[in-house]
Amino acid sequence: MEQVHGSLIATHHDAITGILTENCFGSCLTASLNVNYKSPMPVGSTFLFECKVVKVKGRKFFLESKVISFETNKLVGDASALFILVDKESFL
């Protein structure tokens, strides 16, 4: 059985934490992302991502996320992320 490549899992962690941060606080950029892989994720499997904000310090937002196999309820991996609030005007 083929397994999902780790970079795809990391991309999903980055995306889900980024979506949460932007929806709650505004435009942010990923400053760091640390992913811990716990078990393989088979290609075609269904999975659930959970994400939460754990700390806010000025323009810094600290988040944690985890991915769980829907079929086995097994933890596939978790991640911690740091996002920095940015001014949209600075990019125009």
C-alpha atoms as a PDB file:
ATOM      1  CA  MET A   1       0.000   0.000   0.000  1.00  0.00           C
ATOM      2  CA  GLU A   2       1.365   3.416  -0.979  1.00  0.00           C
ATOM      3  CA  GLN A   3       1.898   6.057   1.700  1.00  0.00           C
ATOM      4  CA  VAL A   4       1.358   9.813   1.466  1.00  0.00           C
ATOM      5  CA  HIS A   5       4.669  11.699   1.189  1.00  0.00           C
ATOM      6  CA  GLY A   6       5.609  13.634   4.326  1.00  0.00           C
ATOM      7  CA  SER A   7       5.847  16.931   2.463  1.00  0.00           C
ATOM      8  CA  LEU A   8       2.160  16.685   1.579  1.00  0.00           C
ATOM      9  CA  ILE A   9       1.290  16.193   5.242  1.00  0.00           C
ATOM     10  CA  ALA A  10       3.463  19.211   6.173  1.00  0.00           C
ATOM     11  CA  THR A  11       1.751  21.287   3.479  1.00  0.00           C
ATOM     12  CA  HIS A  12      -1.626  20.468   4.982  1.00  0.00           C
ATOM     13  CA  HIS A  13      -0.425  21.406   8.479  1.00  0.00           C
ATOM     14  CA  ASP A  14       0.821  24.749   7.113  1.00  0.00           C
ATOM     15  CA  ALA A  15      -2.430  25.347   5.230  1.00  0.00           C
ATOM     16  CA  ILE A  16      -4.791  24.543   8.097  1.00  0.00           C
ATOM     17  CA  THR A  17      -2.867  26.613  10.654  1.00  0.00           C
ATOM     18  CA  GLY A  18      -2.598  29.465   8.144  1.00  0.00           C
ATOM     19  CA  ILE A  19      -6.330  29.418   7.416  1.00  0.00           C
ATOM     20  CA  LEU A  20      -7.156  29.514  11.123  1.00  0.00           C
ATOM     21  CA  THR A  21      -4.713  32.349  11.775  1.00  0.00           C
ATOM     22  CA  GLU A  22      -5.889  34.457   8.844  1.00  0.00           C
ATOM     23  CA  ASN A  23      -9.580  33.956   9.644  1.00  0.00           C
ATOM     24  CA  CYS A  24      -9.073  34.905  13.297  1.00  0.00           C
ATOM     25  CA  PHE A  25      -6.380  37.595  13.130  1.00  0.00           C
ATOM     26  CA  GLY A  26      -5.760  38.765   9.549  1.00  0.00           C
ATOM     27  CA  SER A  27      -2.949  38.338   7.037  1.00  0.00           C
ATOM     28  CA  CYS A  28      -0.076  36.302   8.453  1.00  0.00           C
ATOM     29  CA  LEU A  29       3.046  34.561   7.217  1.00  0.00           C
ATOM     30  CA  THR A  30       4.496  31.292   8.451  1.00  0.00           C
ATOM     31  CA  ALA A  31       7.648  31.981  10.470  1.00  0.00           C
ATOM     32  CA  SER A  32       8.240  28.358  11.486  1.00  0.00           C
ATOM     33  CA  LEU A  33       6.592  24.967  11.186  1.00  0.00           C
ATOM     34  CA  ASN A  34       7.734  21.872  13.077  1.00  0.00           C
ATOM     35  CA  VAL A  35       6.094  18.596  11.997  1.00  0.00           C
ATOM     36  CA  ASN A  36       6.324  15.312  13.924  1.00  0.00           C
ATOM     37  CA  TYR A  37       5.375  12.178  11.997  1.00  0.00           C
ATOM     38  CA  LYS A  38       3.858   9.418  14.146  1.00  0.00           C
ATOM     39  CA  SER A  39       2.497   6.802  11.725  1.00  0.00           C
ATOM     40  CA  PRO A  40       2.083   6.288   7.959  1.00  0.00           C
ATOM     41  CA  MET A  41      -0.911   7.700   6.098  1.00  0.00           C
ATOM     42  CA  PRO A  42      -2.097   5.433   3.262  1.00  0.00           C
ATOM     43  CA  VAL A  43      -2.875   7.128  -0.061  1.00  0.00           C
ATOM     44  CA  GLY A  44      -6.635   7.560  -0.445  1.00  0.00           C
ATOM     45  CA  SER A  45      -7.354   7.433   3.282  1.00  0.00           C
ATOM     46  CA  THR A  46      -9.664   9.872   5.020  1.00  0.00           C
ATOM     47  CA  PHE A  47      -8.204  11.997   7.770  1.00  0.00           C
ATOM     48  CA  LEU A  48      -9.144  14.788  10.173  1.00  0.00           C
ATOM     49  CA  PHE A  49      -7.040  17.829  10.988  1.00  0.00           C
ATOM     50  CA  GLU A  50      -7.471  19.582  14.315  1.00  0.00           C
ATOM     51  CA  CYS A  51      -5.913  22.970  14.967  1.00  0.00           C
ATOM     52  CA  LYS A  52      -5.842  25.448  17.832  1.00  0.00           C
ATOM     53  CA  VAL A  53      -4.215  28.719  18.824  1.00  0.00           C
ATOM     54  CA  VAL A  54      -2.138  28.132  21.955  1.00  0.00           C
ATOM     55  CA  LYS A  55      -0.642  31.595  22.524  1.00  0.00           C
ATOM     56  CA  VAL A  56      -0.766  35.130  21.166  1.00  0.00           C
ATOM     57  CA  LYS A  57       2.132  37.489  21.854  1.00  0.00           C
ATOM     58  CA  GLY A  58       1.855  40.810  20.053  1.00  0.00           C
ATOM     59  CA  ARG A  59       2.004  40.057  16.306  1.00  0.00           C
ATOM     60  CA  LYS A  60       3.068  36.433  16.948  1.00  0.00           C
ATOM     61  CA  PHE A  61       0.567  33.571  16.902  1.00  0.00           C
ATOM     62  CA  PHE A  62       1.532  30.114  18.166  1.00  0.00           C
ATOM     63  CA  LEU A  63      -0.575  27.191  16.955  1.00  0.00           C
ATOM     64  CA  GLU A  64      -0.707  23.424  17.240  1.00  0.00           C
ATOM     65  CA  SER A  65      -2.298  20.974  14.837  1.00  0.00           C
ATOM     66  CA  LYS A  66      -2.680  17.243  14.519  1.00  0.00           C
ATOM     67  CA  VAL A  67      -3.839  14.848  11.833  1.00  0.00           C
ATOM     68  CA  ILE A  68      -5.809  11.757  12.756  1.00  0.00           C
ATOM     69  CA  SER A  69      -6.744   8.796  10.558  1.00  0.00           C
ATOM     70  CA  PHE A  70     -10.521   8.694  10.246  1.00  0.00           C
ATOM     71  CA  GLU A  71     -10.506   4.927   9.635  1.00  0.00           C
ATOM     72  CA  THR A  72      -8.285   3.906  12.570  1.00  0.00           C
ATOM     73  CA  ASN A  73      -8.562   6.980  14.856  1.00  0.00           C
ATOM     74  CA  LYS A  74      -4.746   6.794  15.028  1.00  0.00           C
ATOM     75  CA  LEU A  75      -2.557   9.913  15.311  1.00  0.00           C
ATOM     76  CA  VAL A  76      -0.645  10.319  12.051  1.00  0.00           C
ATOM     77  CA  GLY A  77       1.301  13.367  13.194  1.00  0.00           C
ATOM     78  CA  ASP A  78       1.278  16.710  14.908  1.00  0.00           C
ATOM     79  CA  ALA A  79       2.824  20.109  14.329  1.00  0.00           C
ATOM     80  CA  SER A  80       3.560  23.405  15.975  1.00  0.00           C
ATOM     81  CA  ALA A  81       3.615  26.633  14.022  1.00  0.00           C
ATOM     82  CA  LEU A  82       4.488  30.290  14.509  1.00  0.00           C
ATOM     83  CA  PHE A  83       2.752  32.904  12.370  1.00  0.00           C
ATOM     84  CA  ILE A  84       3.506  36.626  12.206  1.00  0.00           C
ATOM     85  CA  LEU A  85       0.816  39.204  11.498  1.00  0.00           C
ATOM     86  CA  VAL A  86       1.721  41.359   8.476  1.00  0.00           C
ATOM     87  CA  ASP A  87       0.366  44.574   7.026  1.00  0.00           C
ATOM     88  CA  LYS A  88      -1.232  43.854   3.618  1.00  0.00           C
ATOM     89  CA  GLU A  89      -0.280  47.332   2.426  1.00  0.00           C
ATOM     90  CA  SER A  90       3.419  46.481   2.746  1.00  0.00           C
ATOM     91  CA  PHE A  91       2.998  43.912  -0.052  1.00  0.00           C
ATOM     92  CA  LEU A  92       1.319  46.254  -2.558  1.00  0.00           C
END
